[in-house]
Amino acid sequence: MDVASICLTEGTPGDHKYDISKSLVQSAMKAYNANPWFTPGEISRAFNALAHMLEPDKLSSWLGTYAIPLLTPSKRKIIRVIMAGNIPLAGFHDMVCVVLSGHVLEMKTSSQDAFLPRTVAEILAELPGSSSIRPYNRKNEQFDAIIATGSNNSARYFKAIADNKPSIIRRNRNSMAVLTGAESDHDLHMLAEDVFAYFGLGCRNVSLIMVPLDYDLSILASAWESYAHVKHHPKYRNNLLHNKALFQIKGEPFVDAGVCLFKESNELTPPLGVVHFMTYKHLSDTKRFYNSHHHDLQCVVGSSLVSEFIPPAIPFGTSQKPGLSDYADGVDTMAFLLSL
């Protein structure tokens, strides 16, 4: 599906639904022109994931777990949300939480994703009962709480500007998968989505795979052929070739899987175009690894057998399809907002 398909509605020019769709497509095209990583296909992926998240029954069920008061203007807090720009609309969930909590949303968008959040904010602002939304103003230091997402380095800056105000500050995280060797072709195909969606730039993208001893990595390379188009993206391909050359110069062993390079390592953050793997003897070994690294992990992908050892494990192909209650870093954003 491409971005143009998002514009297909039952409405006609002048209808509200049509105007919303048109504005989203125009914003998507601006986003792509400003950031080559935001291809029409990846922006469509983001829209589809958000549409899946906001299905009426899911939204109702999620909101039903909270007692959300009707805030008077004097009770509304100004929430500064500093958004990441690694994938399209990375700050969407925070936006929705602030708007539905009744507080005032102050948006600071990333330069890498400046257009999509603003368009979505305009749409959210028109919803009945929506709280006010205002753009970030560098000169305005009046805010009551902050939600910020960025790198480990930027987290220190976010803490400084929070100035002891209530805050949620998110740092670098990665995701991993655990294979048992009993996965079906469909499982491995879905795993490819966990790895390559958004070119692997998201914190929910799988960057490390744990496999049994003597696991044949060529099985993965074959199952991931449907994502071969990724390596033709100029920026991704440059990273792929650069890292391959570095490994060859340094004499470091790797496996060329075509769409990526496999390198044995227990590091959670490989360079772009590289997927780290590590072997284990028993599934209990994966649990020990998870227990010692869970603070750096956003999610774990695996089968139902894996979930017996690592309870938070989610099915293959779902890492980039979080639900409303799948809070980043495991911190309940809505509960935080309602506690203010």
C-alpha atoms as a PDB file:
ATOM      1  CA  MET A   1       0.000   0.000   0.000  1.00  0.00           C
ATOM      2  CA  ASP A   2       1.294   3.496  -0.838  1.00  0.00           C
ATOM      3  CA  VAL A   3       0.396   6.861   0.587  1.00  0.00           C
ATOM      4  CA  ALA A   4      -2.020   7.613  -2.239  1.00  0.00           C
ATOM      5  CA  SER A   5      -4.270   4.799  -1.011  1.00  0.00           C
ATOM      6  CA  ILE A   6      -4.754   6.665   2.264  1.00  0.00           C
ATOM      7  CA  CYS A   7      -6.656   9.320   0.322  1.00  0.00           C
ATOM      8  CA  LEU A   8      -9.340   6.848  -0.764  1.00  0.00           C
ATOM      9  CA  THR A   9     -12.506   7.671   1.184  1.00  0.00           C
ATOM     10  CA  GLU A  10     -16.200   7.569   0.526  1.00  0.00           C
ATOM     11  CA  GLY A  11     -16.268  11.351   0.601  1.00  0.00           C
ATOM     12  CA  THR A  12     -15.992  13.858  -2.196  1.00  0.00           C
ATOM     13  CA  PRO A  13     -14.036  17.125  -2.445  1.00  0.00           C
ATOM     14  CA  GLY A  14     -15.355  19.464   0.226  1.00  0.00           C
ATOM     15  CA  ASP A  15     -16.400  16.659   2.582  1.00  0.00           C
ATOM     16  CA  HIS A  16     -14.653  16.616   5.952  1.00  0.00           C
ATOM     17  CA  LYS A  17     -13.309  13.061   5.540  1.00  0.00           C
ATOM     18  CA  TYR A  18     -11.956  13.916   2.114  1.00  0.00           C
ATOM     19  CA  ASP A  19     -10.260  17.074   3.393  1.00  0.00           C
ATOM     20  CA  ILE A  20      -8.607  15.150   6.241  1.00  0.00           C
ATOM     21  CA  SER A  21      -7.327  12.482   3.866  1.00  0.00           C
ATOM     22  CA  LYS A  22      -6.045  15.098   1.465  1.00  0.00           C
ATOM     23  CA  SER A  23      -4.187  16.971   4.199  1.00  0.00           C
ATOM     24  CA  LEU A  24      -2.592  13.716   5.430  1.00  0.00           C
ATOM     25  CA  VAL A  25      -1.365  12.823   1.951  1.00  0.00           C
ATOM     26  CA  GLN A  26       0.016  16.321   1.371  1.00  0.00           C
ATOM     27  CA  SER A  27       1.779  16.143   4.720  1.00  0.00           C
ATOM     28  CA  ALA A  28       3.161  12.689   3.884  1.00  0.00           C
ATOM     29  CA  MET A  29       4.641  13.957   0.642  1.00  0.00           C
ATOM     30  CA  LYS A  30       6.282  16.873   2.456  1.00  0.00           C
ATOM     31  CA  ALA A  31       7.662  14.437   5.032  1.00  0.00           C
ATOM     32  CA  TYR A  32       9.171  12.250   2.305  1.00  0.00           C
ATOM     33  CA  ASN A  33      10.762  15.238   0.576  1.00  0.00           C
ATOM     34  CA  ALA A  34      12.297  16.341   3.876  1.00  0.00           C
ATOM     35  CA  ASN A  35      13.415  12.905   5.078  1.00  0.00           C
ATOM     36  CA  PRO A  36      14.313  10.180   2.525  1.00  0.00           C
ATOM     37  CA  TRP A  37      13.821   7.473   5.178  1.00  0.00           C
ATOM     38  CA  PHE A  38      10.110   8.350   5.236  1.00  0.00           C
ATOM     39  CA  THR A  39       9.193   6.630   1.991  1.00  0.00           C
ATOM     40  CA  PRO A  40       5.526   6.452   0.945  1.00  0.00           C
ATOM     41  CA  GLY A  41       5.517   2.768   1.902  1.00  0.00           C
ATOM     42  CA  GLU A  42       6.871   3.359   5.400  1.00  0.00           C
ATOM     43  CA  ILE A  43       4.532   6.290   6.046  1.00  0.00           C
ATOM     44  CA  SER A  44       1.637   4.075   4.954  1.00  0.00           C
ATOM     45  CA  ARG A  45       2.904   1.421   7.366  1.00  0.00           C
ATOM     46  CA  ALA A  46       2.786   3.964  10.185  1.00  0.00           C
ATOM     47  CA  PHE A  47      -0.736   5.109   9.285  1.00  0.00           C
ATOM     48  CA  ASN A  48      -1.974   1.529   9.116  1.00  0.00           C
ATOM     49  CA  ALA A  49      -0.432   0.681  12.499  1.00  0.00           C
ATOM     50  CA  LEU A  50      -2.073   3.733  14.073  1.00  0.00           C
ATOM     51  CA  ALA A  51      -5.430   2.927  12.481  1.00  0.00           C
ATOM     52  CA  HIS A  52      -5.171  -0.588  13.920  1.00  0.00           C
ATOM     53  CA  MET A  53      -4.324   0.881  17.330  1.00  0.00           C
ATOM     54  CA  LEU A  54      -7.313   3.244  17.282  1.00  0.00           C
ATOM     55  CA  GLU A  55     -10.044   0.792  16.344  1.00  0.00           C
ATOM     56  CA  PRO A  56     -13.137   1.890  18.335  1.00  0.00           C
ATOM     57  CA  ASP A  57     -13.406  -1.240  20.485  1.00  0.00           C
ATOM     58  CA  LYS A  58      -9.700  -1.117  21.378  1.00  0.00           C
ATOM     59  CA  LEU A  59      -9.852   2.581  22.174  1.00  0.00           C
ATOM     60  CA  SER A  60     -12.933   2.120  24.346  1.00  0.00           C
ATOM     61  CA  SER A  61     -11.420  -0.845  26.187  1.00  0.00           C
ATOM     62  CA  TRP A  62      -8.190   1.058  26.864  1.00  0.00           C
ATOM     63  CA  LEU A  63      -9.894   4.215  28.105  1.00  0.00           C
ATOM     64  CA  GLY A  64     -12.185   2.107  30.277  1.00  0.00           C
ATOM     65  CA  THR A  65      -9.244   1.166  32.492  1.00  0.00           C
ATOM     66  CA  TYR A  66      -8.793   4.788  33.606  1.00  0.00           C
ATOM     67  CA  ALA A  67     -10.935   7.256  35.538  1.00  0.00           C
ATOM     68  CA  ILE A  68     -10.463  10.352  33.394  1.00  0.00           C
ATOM     69  CA  PRO A  69     -11.847  13.495  35.048  1.00  0.00           C
ATOM     70  CA  LEU A  70     -13.383  16.407  33.176  1.00  0.00           C
ATOM     71  CA  LEU A  71     -10.796  19.096  33.806  1.00  0.00           C
ATOM     72  CA  THR A  72     -11.667  22.747  34.101  1.00  0.00           C
ATOM     73  CA  PRO A  73      -9.276  25.168  32.352  1.00  0.00           C
ATOM     74  CA  SER A  74      -7.624  26.033  35.668  1.00  0.00           C
ATOM     75  CA  LYS A  75      -6.871  22.348  36.334  1.00  0.00           C
ATOM     76  CA  ARG A  76      -5.286  21.658  32.958  1.00  0.00           C
ATOM     77  CA  LYS A  77      -1.530  21.228  32.954  1.00  0.00           C
ATOM     78  CA  ILE A  78       0.733  22.173  30.074  1.00  0.00           C
ATOM     79  CA  ILE A  79       2.525  19.021  28.918  1.00  0.00           C
ATOM     80  CA  ARG A  80       5.601  19.580  26.781  1.00  0.00           C
ATOM     81  CA  VAL A  81       6.063  16.576  24.490  1.00  0.00           C
ATOM     82  CA  ILE A  82       9.468  16.372  22.792  1.00  0.00           C
ATOM     83  CA  MET A  83       9.151  13.906  19.953  1.00  0.00           C
ATOM     84  CA  ALA A  84      11.626  11.586  18.281  1.00  0.00           C
ATOM     85  CA  GLY A  85      11.910  11.530  14.510  1.00  0.00           C
ATOM     86  CA  ASN A  86      13.423   8.112  13.826  1.00  0.00           C
ATOM     87  CA  ILE A  87      10.185   6.709  12.371  1.00  0.00           C
ATOM     88  CA  PRO A  88       7.032   8.440  11.097  1.00  0.00           C
ATOM     89  CA  LEU A  89       4.764   9.763  13.860  1.00  0.00           C
ATOM     90  CA  ALA A  90       6.897   8.346  16.651  1.00  0.00           C
ATOM     91  CA  GLY A  91       5.232  10.766  19.070  1.00  0.00           C
ATOM     92  CA  PHE A  92       1.651   9.891  18.158  1.00  0.00           C
ATOM     93  CA  HIS A  93       0.853   7.820  21.255  1.00  0.00           C
ATOM     94  CA  ASP A  94       2.029  10.612  23.550  1.00  0.00           C
ATOM     95  CA  MET A  95      -0.113  13.087  21.630  1.00  0.00           C
ATOM     96  CA  VAL A  96      -3.219  10.948  22.032  1.00  0.00           C
ATOM     97  CA  CYS A  97      -2.590  10.394  25.735  1.00  0.00           C
ATOM     98  CA  VAL A  98      -2.233  14.107  26.466  1.00  0.00           C
ATOM     99  CA  VAL A  99      -5.271  15.083  24.404  1.00  0.00           C
ATOM    100  CA  LEU A 100      -7.519  12.433  25.965  1.00  0.00           C
ATOM    101  CA  SER A 101      -6.285  13.182  29.482  1.00  0.00           C
ATOM    102  CA  GLY A 102      -7.662  16.716  29.114  1.00  0.00           C
ATOM    103  CA  HIS A 103      -4.358  18.511  29.555  1.00  0.00           C
ATOM    104  CA  VAL A 104      -2.774  21.002  27.150  1.00  0.00           C
ATOM    105  CA  LEU A 105      -0.400  19.492  24.593  1.00  0.00           C
ATOM    106  CA  GLU A 106       2.686  21.514  23.722  1.00  0.00           C
ATOM    107  CA  MET A 107       4.446  19.833  20.809  1.00  0.00           C
ATOM    108  CA  LYS A 108       8.121  20.012  19.986  1.00  0.00           C
ATOM    109  CA  THR A 109       8.525  18.025  16.811  1.00  0.00           C
ATOM    110  CA  SER A 110      11.761  16.561  15.526  1.00  0.00           C
ATOM    111  CA  SER A 111      13.346  18.188  12.495  1.00  0.00           C
ATOM    112  CA  GLN A 112      13.255  14.704  10.971  1.00  0.00           C
ATOM    113  CA  ASP A 113       9.462  14.485  11.347  1.00  0.00           C
ATOM    114  CA  ALA A 114       8.096  17.999  11.400  1.00  0.00           C
ATOM    115  CA  PHE A 115       5.082  17.741   9.087  1.00  0.00           C
ATOM    116  CA  LEU A 116       3.112  14.617  10.019  1.00  0.00           C
ATOM    117  CA  PRO A 117       2.653  15.384  13.753  1.00  0.00           C
ATOM    118  CA  ARG A 118       1.473  18.912  13.025  1.00  0.00           C
ATOM    119  CA  THR A 119      -1.152  17.690  10.572  1.00  0.00           C
ATOM    120  CA  VAL A 120      -2.350  15.030  12.994  1.00  0.00           C
ATOM    121  CA  ALA A 121      -2.462  17.627  15.777  1.00  0.00           C
ATOM    122  CA  GLU A 122      -4.732  19.798  13.642  1.00  0.00           C
ATOM    123  CA  ILE A 123      -7.065  16.838  13.190  1.00  0.00           C
ATOM    124  CA  LEU A 124      -7.032  15.949  16.884  1.00  0.00           C
ATOM    125  CA  ALA A 125      -7.750  19.566  17.829  1.00  0.00           C
ATOM    126  CA  GLU A 126     -11.053  19.372  15.936  1.00  0.00           C
ATOM    127  CA  LEU A 127     -12.346  16.406  17.951  1.00  0.00           C
ATOM    128  CA  PRO A 128     -15.251  17.172  20.325  1.00  0.00           C
ATOM    129  CA  GLY A 129     -13.980  17.703  23.845  1.00  0.00           C
ATOM    130  CA  SER A 130     -10.356  17.809  22.714  1.00  0.00           C
ATOM    131  CA  SER A 131      -7.959  19.705  24.923  1.00  0.00           C
ATOM    132  CA  SER A 132      -5.976  22.559  23.445  1.00  0.00           C
ATOM    133  CA  ILE A 133      -2.850  21.949  21.407  1.00  0.00           C
ATOM    134  CA  ARG A 134      -0.122  24.495  20.938  1.00  0.00           C
ATOM    135  CA  PRO A 135       3.223  24.490  19.118  1.00  0.00           C
ATOM    136  CA  TYR A 136       6.519  24.643  20.978  1.00  0.00           C
ATOM    137  CA  ASN A 137       7.896  28.111  21.570  1.00  0.00           C
ATOM    138  CA  ARG A 138      11.523  28.275  22.642  1.00  0.00           C
ATOM    139  CA  LYS A 139      10.896  31.500  24.551  1.00  0.00           C
ATOM    140  CA  ASN A 140       8.014  30.025  26.520  1.00  0.00           C
ATOM    141  CA  GLU A 141       9.315  28.234  29.588  1.00  0.00           C
ATOM    142  CA  GLN A 142       5.912  27.866  31.197  1.00  0.00           C
ATOM    143  CA  PHE A 143       5.052  24.183  31.266  1.00  0.00           C
ATOM    144  CA  ASP A 144       4.078  21.788  34.038  1.00  0.00           C
ATOM    145  CA  ALA A 145       5.427  18.411  32.922  1.00  0.00           C
ATOM    146  CA  ILE A 146       7.513  16.951  30.149  1.00  0.00           C
ATOM    147  CA  ILE A 147       7.509  13.764  28.079  1.00  0.00           C
ATOM    148  CA  ALA A 148      10.685  13.483  26.016  1.00  0.00           C
ATOM    149  CA  THR A 149      12.050  10.770  23.754  1.00  0.00           C
ATOM    150  CA  GLY A 150      15.581  10.720  22.377  1.00  0.00           C
ATOM    151  CA  SER A 151      19.066   9.305  22.670  1.00  0.00           C
ATOM    152  CA  ASN A 152      21.060   8.620  25.813  1.00  0.00           C
ATOM    153  CA  ASN A 153      22.908  11.887  25.218  1.00  0.00           C
ATOM    154  CA  SER A 154      19.773  13.970  24.738  1.00  0.00           C
ATOM    155  CA  ALA A 155      18.234  12.450  27.880  1.00  0.00           C
ATOM    156  CA  ARG A 156      20.675  14.464  29.986  1.00  0.00           C
ATOM    157  CA  TYR A 157      19.549  17.642  28.232  1.00  0.00           C
ATOM    158  CA  PHE A 158      15.885  16.727  28.745  1.00  0.00           C
ATOM    159  CA  LYS A 159      16.494  16.223  32.458  1.00  0.00           C
ATOM    160  CA  ALA A 160      18.076  19.658  32.687  1.00  0.00           C
ATOM    161  CA  ILE A 161      15.186  21.477  31.010  1.00  0.00           C
ATOM    162  CA  ALA A 162      12.656  19.476  33.049  1.00  0.00           C
ATOM    163  CA  ASP A 163      14.069  21.320  36.065  1.00  0.00           C
ATOM    164  CA  ASN A 164      12.617  18.843  38.572  1.00  0.00           C
ATOM    165  CA  LYS A 165       9.158  19.012  37.015  1.00  0.00           C
ATOM    166  CA  PRO A 166       7.231  15.714  36.640  1.00  0.00           C
ATOM    167  CA  SER A 167       8.699  13.929  33.643  1.00  0.00           C
ATOM    168  CA  ILE A 168       8.958  10.822  31.502  1.00  0.00           C
ATOM    169  CA  ILE A 169      12.346  10.774  29.796  1.00  0.00           C
ATOM    170  CA  ARG A 170      13.082   7.934  27.397  1.00  0.00           C
ATOM    171  CA  ARG A 171      16.517   6.820  26.270  1.00  0.00           C
ATOM    172  CA  ASN A 172      17.905   4.438  23.650  1.00  0.00           C
ATOM    173  CA  ARG A 173      16.271   1.031  23.569  1.00  0.00           C
ATOM    174  CA  ASN A 174      16.396  -1.913  21.206  1.00  0.00           C
ATOM    175  CA  SER A 175      14.468  -5.128  20.660  1.00  0.00           C
ATOM    176  CA  MET A 176      15.455  -8.747  20.242  1.00  0.00           C
ATOM    177  CA  ALA A 177      14.024 -12.012  18.965  1.00  0.00           C
ATOM    178  CA  VAL A 178      14.504 -15.548  20.264  1.00  0.00           C
ATOM    179  CA  LEU A 179      14.346 -18.468  17.815  1.00  0.00           C
ATOM    180  CA  THR A 180      14.013 -22.114  18.820  1.00  0.00           C
ATOM    181  CA  GLY A 181      14.606 -23.667  15.401  1.00  0.00           C
ATOM    182  CA  ALA A 182      11.004 -24.864  15.192  1.00  0.00           C
ATOM    183  CA  GLU A 183       9.664 -21.715  13.520  1.00  0.00           C
ATOM    184  CA  SER A 184       7.579 -22.017  10.368  1.00  0.00           C
ATOM    185  CA  ASP A 185       8.371 -20.207   7.139  1.00  0.00           C
ATOM    186  CA  HIS A 186       5.537 -17.832   8.003  1.00  0.00           C
ATOM    187  CA  ASP A 187       7.063 -17.083  11.410  1.00  0.00           C
ATOM    188  CA  LEU A 188      10.401 -16.191   9.836  1.00  0.00           C
ATOM    189  CA  HIS A 189       8.732 -14.107   7.165  1.00  0.00           C
ATOM    190  CA  MET A 190       6.914 -12.140   9.852  1.00  0.00           C
ATOM    191  CA  LEU A 191      10.167 -11.751  11.766  1.00  0.00           C
ATOM    192  CA  ALA A 192      11.507  -9.915   8.729  1.00  0.00           C
ATOM    193  CA  GLU A 193       8.897  -7.223   9.358  1.00  0.00           C
ATOM    194  CA  ASP A 194      10.114  -6.894  12.939  1.00  0.00           C
ATOM    195  CA  VAL A 195      13.646  -6.392  11.629  1.00  0.00           C
ATOM    196  CA  PHE A 196      13.178  -4.268   8.502  1.00  0.00           C
ATOM    197  CA  ALA A 197      10.044  -2.183   9.062  1.00  0.00           C
ATOM    198  CA  TYR A 198      11.074   1.497   8.889  1.00  0.00           C
ATOM    199  CA  PHE A 199      14.483   0.226   7.703  1.00  0.00           C
ATOM    200  CA  GLY A 200      15.228  -0.964  11.231  1.00  0.00           C
ATOM    201  CA  LEU A 201      15.369   2.562  12.658  1.00  0.00           C
ATOM    202  CA  GLY A 202      12.817   2.112  15.450  1.00  0.00           C
ATOM    203  CA  CYS A 203      13.396   1.063  19.041  1.00  0.00           C
ATOM    204  CA  ARG A 204      10.858  -1.719  18.492  1.00  0.00           C
ATOM    205  CA  ASN A 205      12.830  -3.119  15.550  1.00  0.00           C
ATOM    206  CA  VAL A 206      14.630  -6.387  16.268  1.00  0.00           C
ATOM    207  CA  SER A 207      18.375  -5.769  16.233  1.00  0.00           C
ATOM    208  CA  LEU A 208      19.591  -8.918  18.039  1.00  0.00           C
ATOM    209  CA  ILE A 209      18.504 -12.504  17.430  1.00  0.00           C
ATOM    210  CA  MET A 210      19.228 -15.354  19.815  1.00  0.00           C
ATOM    211  CA  VAL A 211      19.457 -18.725  18.056  1.00  0.00           C
ATOM    212  CA  PRO A 212      20.256 -22.315  19.118  1.00  0.00           C
ATOM    213  CA  LEU A 213      23.777 -23.611  18.671  1.00  0.00           C
ATOM    214  CA  ASP A 214      24.591 -24.541  15.049  1.00  0.00           C
ATOM    215  CA  TYR A 215      21.550 -22.648  13.759  1.00  0.00           C
ATOM    216  CA  ASP A 216      21.706 -22.241   9.964  1.00  0.00           C
ATOM    217  CA  LEU A 217      21.481 -18.505   9.284  1.00  0.00           C
ATOM    218  CA  SER A 218      20.884 -19.167   5.590  1.00  0.00           C
ATOM    219  CA  ILE A 219      17.337 -20.152   6.582  1.00  0.00           C
ATOM    220  CA  LEU A 220      16.744 -16.571   7.677  1.00  0.00           C
ATOM    221  CA  ALA A 221      18.399 -15.149   4.569  1.00  0.00           C
ATOM    222  CA  SER A 222      16.048 -17.201   2.407  1.00  0.00           C
ATOM    223  CA  ALA A 223      12.949 -16.290   4.416  1.00  0.00           C
ATOM    224  CA  TRP A 224      13.778 -12.595   4.214  1.00  0.00           C
ATOM    225  CA  GLU A 225      14.034 -12.382   0.422  1.00  0.00           C
ATOM    226  CA  SER A 226      10.683 -10.594   0.307  1.00  0.00           C
ATOM    227  CA  TYR A 227      12.433  -7.624   1.939  1.00  0.00           C
ATOM    228  CA  ALA A 228      15.189  -7.480  -0.683  1.00  0.00           C
ATOM    229  CA  HIS A 229      13.820  -4.109  -1.819  1.00  0.00           C
ATOM    230  CA  VAL A 230      15.167  -2.554   1.394  1.00  0.00           C
ATOM    231  CA  LYS A 231      18.767  -2.851   0.212  1.00  0.00           C
ATOM    232  CA  HIS A 232      17.948  -0.759  -2.860  1.00  0.00           C
ATOM    233  CA  HIS A 233      17.119   2.280  -0.761  1.00  0.00           C
ATOM    234  CA  PRO A 234      20.163   4.553  -1.334  1.00  0.00           C
ATOM    235  CA  LYS A 235      20.792   5.463   2.304  1.00  0.00           C
ATOM    236  CA  TYR A 236      20.259   1.914   3.581  1.00  0.00           C
ATOM    237  CA  ARG A 237      22.455   0.494   0.825  1.00  0.00           C
ATOM    238  CA  ASN A 238      25.248   2.966   1.639  1.00  0.00           C
ATOM    239  CA  ASN A 239      25.211   1.808   5.255  1.00  0.00           C
ATOM    240  CA  LEU A 240      25.141  -1.837   4.218  1.00  0.00           C
ATOM    241  CA  LEU A 241      28.136  -1.480   1.888  1.00  0.00           C
ATOM    242  CA  HIS A 242      30.030   0.691   4.364  1.00  0.00           C
ATOM    243  CA  ASN A 243      29.710  -1.827   7.178  1.00  0.00           C
ATOM    244  CA  LYS A 244      30.569  -4.726   4.895  1.00  0.00           C
ATOM    245  CA  ALA A 245      33.752  -2.957   3.832  1.00  0.00           C
ATOM    246  CA  LEU A 246      34.661  -2.208   7.456  1.00  0.00           C
ATOM    247  CA  PHE A 247      34.232  -5.843   8.483  1.00  0.00           C
ATOM    248  CA  GLN A 248      36.368  -6.970   5.561  1.00  0.00           C
ATOM    249  CA  ILE A 249      39.131  -4.451   6.295  1.00  0.00           C
ATOM    250  CA  LYS A 250      39.190  -5.417   9.972  1.00  0.00           C
ATOM    251  CA  GLY A 251      39.026  -9.116   9.184  1.00  0.00           C
ATOM    252  CA  GLU A 252      35.904  -9.515  11.325  1.00  0.00           C
ATOM    253  CA  PRO A 253      33.700 -12.515  10.446  1.00  0.00           C
ATOM    254  CA  PHE A 254      30.163 -11.880   9.216  1.00  0.00           C
ATOM    255  CA  VAL A 255      27.481 -13.549   7.115  1.00  0.00           C
ATOM    256  CA  ASP A 256      26.176 -11.683   4.088  1.00  0.00           C
ATOM    257  CA  ALA A 257      22.416 -12.290   3.976  1.00  0.00           C
ATOM    258  CA  GLY A 258      21.882  -9.931   1.053  1.00  0.00           C
ATOM    259  CA  VAL A 259      19.396  -7.622   2.744  1.00  0.00           C
ATOM    260  CA  CYS A 260      21.588  -7.382   5.862  1.00  0.00           C
ATOM    261  CA  LEU A 261      24.808  -8.609   7.437  1.00  0.00           C
ATOM    262  CA  PHE A 262      24.772 -11.065  10.330  1.00  0.00           C
ATOM    263  CA  LYS A 263      27.472 -10.555  12.909  1.00  0.00           C
ATOM    264  CA  GLU A 264      27.924 -12.557  16.097  1.00  0.00           C
ATOM    265  CA  SER A 265      27.702 -10.221  19.081  1.00  0.00           C
ATOM    266  CA  ASN A 266      25.693  -9.739  22.262  1.00  0.00           C
ATOM    267  CA  GLU A 267      25.495  -5.969  21.684  1.00  0.00           C
ATOM    268  CA  LEU A 268      21.938  -4.695  21.311  1.00  0.00           C
ATOM    269  CA  THR A 269      22.779  -1.769  19.048  1.00  0.00           C
ATOM    270  CA  PRO A 270      24.382  -2.852  15.768  1.00  0.00           C
ATOM    271  CA  PRO A 271      25.113  -0.383  12.971  1.00  0.00           C
ATOM    272  CA  LEU A 272      22.370   0.076  10.394  1.00  0.00           C
ATOM    273  CA  GLY A 273      22.194  -2.823   7.960  1.00  0.00           C
ATOM    274  CA  VAL A 274      23.681  -5.244  10.501  1.00  0.00           C
ATOM    275  CA  VAL A 275      21.754  -7.749  12.626  1.00  0.00           C
ATOM    276  CA  HIS A 276      23.576  -9.178  15.622  1.00  0.00           C
ATOM    277  CA  PHE A 277      23.087 -12.784  16.631  1.00  0.00           C
ATOM    278  CA  MET A 278      24.179 -14.885  19.558  1.00  0.00           C
ATOM    279  CA  THR A 279      23.781 -18.587  20.289  1.00  0.00           C
ATOM    280  CA  TYR A 280      22.428 -20.371  23.333  1.00  0.00           C
ATOM    281  CA  LYS A 281      22.437 -23.957  24.609  1.00  0.00           C
ATOM    282  CA  HIS A 282      19.154 -23.910  26.516  1.00  0.00           C
ATOM    283  CA  LEU A 283      16.157 -21.574  26.452  1.00  0.00           C
ATOM    284  CA  SER A 284      16.862 -20.803  30.082  1.00  0.00           C
ATOM    285  CA  ASP A 285      19.994 -19.018  28.811  1.00  0.00           C
ATOM    286  CA  THR A 286      17.780 -16.555  26.940  1.00  0.00           C
ATOM    287  CA  LYS A 287      15.917 -15.771  30.143  1.00  0.00           C
ATOM    288  CA  ARG A 288      19.158 -14.959  31.926  1.00  0.00           C
ATOM    289  CA  PHE A 289      20.203 -12.673  29.086  1.00  0.00           C
ATOM    290  CA  TYR A 290      16.832 -10.933  29.146  1.00  0.00           C
ATOM    291  CA  ASN A 291      16.949 -10.473  32.922  1.00  0.00           C
ATOM    292  CA  SER A 292      20.331  -8.764  32.685  1.00  0.00           C
ATOM    293  CA  HIS A 293      19.374  -6.534  29.730  1.00  0.00           C
ATOM    294  CA  HIS A 294      15.651  -5.862  30.118  1.00  0.00           C
ATOM    295  CA  HIS A 295      16.238  -2.195  30.990  1.00  0.00           C
ATOM    296  CA  ASP A 296      17.695  -1.736  27.498  1.00  0.00           C
ATOM    297  CA  LEU A 297      14.994  -3.709  25.679  1.00  0.00           C
ATOM    298  CA  GLN A 298      11.760  -2.323  24.289  1.00  0.00           C
ATOM    299  CA  CYS A 299      10.267  -5.677  23.342  1.00  0.00           C
ATOM    300  CA  VAL A 300      11.086  -9.352  22.745  1.00  0.00           C
ATOM    301  CA  VAL A 301       9.722 -11.350  19.809  1.00  0.00           C
ATOM    302  CA  GLY A 302       9.276 -15.098  19.934  1.00  0.00           C
ATOM    303  CA  SER A 303       6.965 -18.111  19.885  1.00  0.00           C
ATOM    304  CA  SER A 304       4.612 -19.226  22.646  1.00  0.00           C
ATOM    305  CA  LEU A 305       7.388 -21.525  23.876  1.00  0.00           C
ATOM    306  CA  VAL A 306       9.712 -18.548  24.228  1.00  0.00           C
ATOM    307  CA  SER A 307       7.045 -16.639  26.173  1.00  0.00           C
ATOM    308  CA  GLU A 308       7.160 -19.369  28.827  1.00  0.00           C
ATOM    309  CA  PHE A 309      10.731 -18.296  29.589  1.00  0.00           C
ATOM    310  CA  ILE A 310      10.351 -14.590  28.755  1.00  0.00           C
ATOM    311  CA  PRO A 311       6.724 -13.675  29.578  1.00  0.00           C
ATOM    312  CA  PRO A 312       6.783 -10.282  27.784  1.00  0.00           C
ATOM    313  CA  ALA A 313       7.559 -12.019  24.452  1.00  0.00           C
ATOM    314  CA  ILE A 314       5.160 -11.039  21.660  1.00  0.00           C
ATOM    315  CA  PRO A 315       4.336 -12.893  18.403  1.00  0.00           C
ATOM    316  CA  PHE A 316       6.415 -12.560  15.261  1.00  0.00           C
ATOM    317  CA  GLY A 317       5.466  -9.605  13.068  1.00  0.00           C
ATOM    318  CA  THR A 318       3.928  -7.511  15.841  1.00  0.00           C
ATOM    319  CA  SER A 319       6.840  -5.487  17.209  1.00  0.00           C
ATOM    320  CA  GLN A 320       5.901  -2.440  15.131  1.00  0.00           C
ATOM    321  CA  LYS A 321       2.178  -2.810  15.782  1.00  0.00           C
ATOM    322  CA  PRO A 322       1.926  -1.792  19.435  1.00  0.00           C
ATOM    323  CA  GLY A 323      -1.424  -1.469  21.154  1.00  0.00           C
ATOM    324  CA  LEU A 324      -2.572   1.488  23.192  1.00  0.00           C
ATOM    325  CA  SER A 325      -1.410  -0.150  26.424  1.00  0.00           C
ATOM    326  CA  ASP A 326       2.042  -1.034  25.031  1.00  0.00           C
ATOM    327  CA  TYR A 327       3.741   1.935  26.638  1.00  0.00           C
ATOM    328  CA  ALA A 328       7.275   2.848  25.629  1.00  0.00           C
ATOM    329  CA  ASP A 329       9.801   1.767  28.255  1.00  0.00           C
ATOM    330  CA  GLY A 330       6.930   0.166  30.167  1.00  0.00           C
ATOM    331  CA  VAL A 331       5.915   3.495  31.732  1.00  0.00           C
ATOM    332  CA  ASP A 332       2.153   4.097  31.762  1.00  0.00           C
ATOM    333  CA  THR A 333       1.883   7.499  30.114  1.00  0.00           C
ATOM    334  CA  MET A 334      -1.822   7.934  30.800  1.00  0.00           C
ATOM    335  CA  ALA A 335      -1.432   7.098  34.493  1.00  0.00           C
ATOM    336  CA  PHE A 336       1.400   9.644  34.668  1.00  0.00           C
ATOM    337  CA  LEU A 337      -0.788  12.347  33.137  1.00  0.00           C
ATOM    338  CA  LEU A 338      -3.763  11.592  35.361  1.00  0.00           C
ATOM    339  CA  SER A 339      -1.548  11.806  38.448  1.00  0.00           C
ATOM    340  CA  LEU A 340      -0.612  15.413  37.796  1.00  0.00           C
END
